[in-house]
């Protein structure tokens, strides 16, 4: 894992698409429903944010584990 991503996009819980039918610049609030541009199903923004939060935690944990492993290898050469 080279670098951490700048942002994590929300993904449809049904088809995993990252495209939603929202106006340009619109930021939906927790509890709102937004329609997936791919499958057309409605997604609860709160659920999408929770999934994105879990994904970001997993990415950060993996990054830290990789960095610690590199440091340990370097320290015990």
C-alpha atoms as a PDB file:
ATOM      1  CA  UNK A   1       0.000   0.000   0.000  1.00  0.00           C
ATOM      2  CA  UNK A   2       1.819   3.111  -1.196  1.00  0.00           C
ATOM      3  CA  UNK A   3      -0.385   6.049  -0.194  1.00  0.00           C
ATOM      4  CA  UNK A   4      -3.645   6.688   1.569  1.00  0.00           C
ATOM      5  CA  UNK A   5      -6.469   7.889  -0.694  1.00  0.00           C
ATOM      6  CA  UNK A   6      -7.565  11.536  -0.395  1.00  0.00           C
ATOM      7  CA  UNK A   7     -11.221  10.557  -0.203  1.00  0.00           C
ATOM      8  CA  UNK A   8     -13.454   7.526  -0.205  1.00  0.00           C
ATOM      9  CA  UNK A   9     -16.518   7.650  -2.421  1.00  0.00           C
ATOM     10  CA  UNK A  10     -19.885   6.351  -1.286  1.00  0.00           C
ATOM     11  CA  UNK A  11     -20.918   3.056  -2.907  1.00  0.00           C
ATOM     12  CA  UNK A  12     -24.401   1.726  -3.583  1.00  0.00           C
ATOM     13  CA  UNK A  13     -25.079  -1.092  -1.108  1.00  0.00           C
ATOM     14  CA  UNK A  14     -26.826  -3.091  -3.842  1.00  0.00           C
ATOM     15  CA  UNK A  15     -24.529  -2.859  -6.893  1.00  0.00           C
ATOM     16  CA  UNK A  16     -21.387  -1.139  -5.482  1.00  0.00           C
ATOM     17  CA  UNK A  17     -21.611   1.692  -8.056  1.00  0.00           C
ATOM     18  CA  UNK A  18     -20.113   5.022  -7.029  1.00  0.00           C
ATOM     19  CA  UNK A  19     -22.546   7.059  -9.118  1.00  0.00           C
ATOM     20  CA  UNK A  20     -25.707   8.581  -7.659  1.00  0.00           C
ATOM     21  CA  UNK A  21     -28.454  10.774  -9.092  1.00  0.00           C
ATOM     22  CA  UNK A  22     -27.766  14.010  -7.224  1.00  0.00           C
ATOM     23  CA  UNK A  23     -27.495  17.586  -8.468  1.00  0.00           C
ATOM     24  CA  UNK A  24     -24.008  18.991  -9.038  1.00  0.00           C
ATOM     25  CA  UNK A  25     -22.455  20.062  -5.734  1.00  0.00           C
ATOM     26  CA  UNK A  26     -25.306  18.656  -3.642  1.00  0.00           C
ATOM     27  CA  UNK A  27     -24.293  17.013  -0.369  1.00  0.00           C
ATOM     28  CA  UNK A  28     -27.023  14.757   1.036  1.00  0.00           C
ATOM     29  CA  UNK A  29     -27.588  14.723   4.788  1.00  0.00           C
ATOM     30  CA  UNK A  30     -27.800  11.701   7.097  1.00  0.00           C
ATOM     31  CA  UNK A  31     -31.196  10.042   6.887  1.00  0.00           C
ATOM     32  CA  UNK A  32     -31.880  11.106   3.303  1.00  0.00           C
ATOM     33  CA  UNK A  33     -32.369   8.627   0.495  1.00  0.00           C
ATOM     34  CA  UNK A  34     -30.436   8.952  -2.753  1.00  0.00           C
ATOM     35  CA  UNK A  35     -30.962   6.983  -5.956  1.00  0.00           C
ATOM     36  CA  UNK A  36     -28.149   4.942  -7.489  1.00  0.00           C
ATOM     37  CA  UNK A  37     -27.499   6.020 -11.087  1.00  0.00           C
ATOM     38  CA  UNK A  38     -26.611   2.425 -12.025  1.00  0.00           C
ATOM     39  CA  UNK A  39     -29.306   0.179 -10.511  1.00  0.00           C
ATOM     40  CA  UNK A  40     -31.908   2.835  -9.626  1.00  0.00           C
ATOM     41  CA  UNK A  41     -32.384   1.630  -6.052  1.00  0.00           C
ATOM     42  CA  UNK A  42     -32.671   4.028  -3.146  1.00  0.00           C
ATOM     43  CA  UNK A  43     -29.835   4.123  -0.611  1.00  0.00           C
ATOM     44  CA  UNK A  44     -29.916   5.571   2.897  1.00  0.00           C
ATOM     45  CA  UNK A  45     -27.077   8.074   3.220  1.00  0.00           C
ATOM     46  CA  UNK A  46     -26.481   7.081   6.867  1.00  0.00           C
ATOM     47  CA  UNK A  47     -25.806   3.489   5.797  1.00  0.00           C
ATOM     48  CA  UNK A  48     -23.538   4.592   2.956  1.00  0.00           C
ATOM     49  CA  UNK A  49     -21.511   6.771   5.322  1.00  0.00           C
ATOM     50  CA  UNK A  50     -21.197   3.901   7.837  1.00  0.00           C
ATOM     51  CA  UNK A  51     -19.878   1.569   5.126  1.00  0.00           C
ATOM     52  CA  UNK A  52     -17.432   4.242   3.900  1.00  0.00           C
ATOM     53  CA  UNK A  53     -16.266   4.769   7.486  1.00  0.00           C
ATOM     54  CA  UNK A  54     -15.586   1.039   7.887  1.00  0.00           C
ATOM     55  CA  UNK A  55     -13.713   0.992   4.562  1.00  0.00           C
ATOM     56  CA  UNK A  56     -11.558   3.967   5.585  1.00  0.00           C
ATOM     57  CA  UNK A  57     -10.728   2.297   8.898  1.00  0.00           C
ATOM     58  CA  UNK A  58      -9.703  -0.897   7.071  1.00  0.00           C
ATOM     59  CA  UNK A  59      -7.503   1.070   4.650  1.00  0.00           C
ATOM     60  CA  UNK A  60      -5.818   2.971   7.491  1.00  0.00           C
ATOM     61  CA  UNK A  61      -5.270  -0.213   9.512  1.00  0.00           C
ATOM     62  CA  UNK A  62      -3.691  -1.929   6.507  1.00  0.00           C
ATOM     63  CA  UNK A  63      -1.471   1.079   5.854  1.00  0.00           C
ATOM     64  CA  UNK A  64      -0.265   1.173   9.457  1.00  0.00           C
ATOM     65  CA  UNK A  65       0.398  -2.590   9.480  1.00  0.00           C
ATOM     66  CA  UNK A  66       2.454  -2.291   6.265  1.00  0.00           C
ATOM     67  CA  UNK A  67       4.470   0.613   7.657  1.00  0.00           C
ATOM     68  CA  UNK A  68       5.162  -1.187  10.940  1.00  0.00           C
ATOM     69  CA  UNK A  69       6.257  -4.287   9.034  1.00  0.00           C
ATOM     70  CA  UNK A  70       8.658  -2.204   6.916  1.00  0.00           C
ATOM     71  CA  UNK A  71      10.093  -0.549  10.009  1.00  0.00           C
ATOM     72  CA  UNK A  72      10.583  -3.889  11.788  1.00  0.00           C
ATOM     73  CA  UNK A  73      12.326  -5.391   8.755  1.00  0.00           C
ATOM     74  CA  UNK A  74      14.605  -2.372   8.581  1.00  0.00           C
ATOM     75  CA  UNK A  75      15.337  -2.501  12.333  1.00  0.00           C
ATOM     76  CA  UNK A  76      16.254  -6.207  12.380  1.00  0.00           C
ATOM     77  CA  UNK A  77      18.475  -6.374   9.272  1.00  0.00           C
END
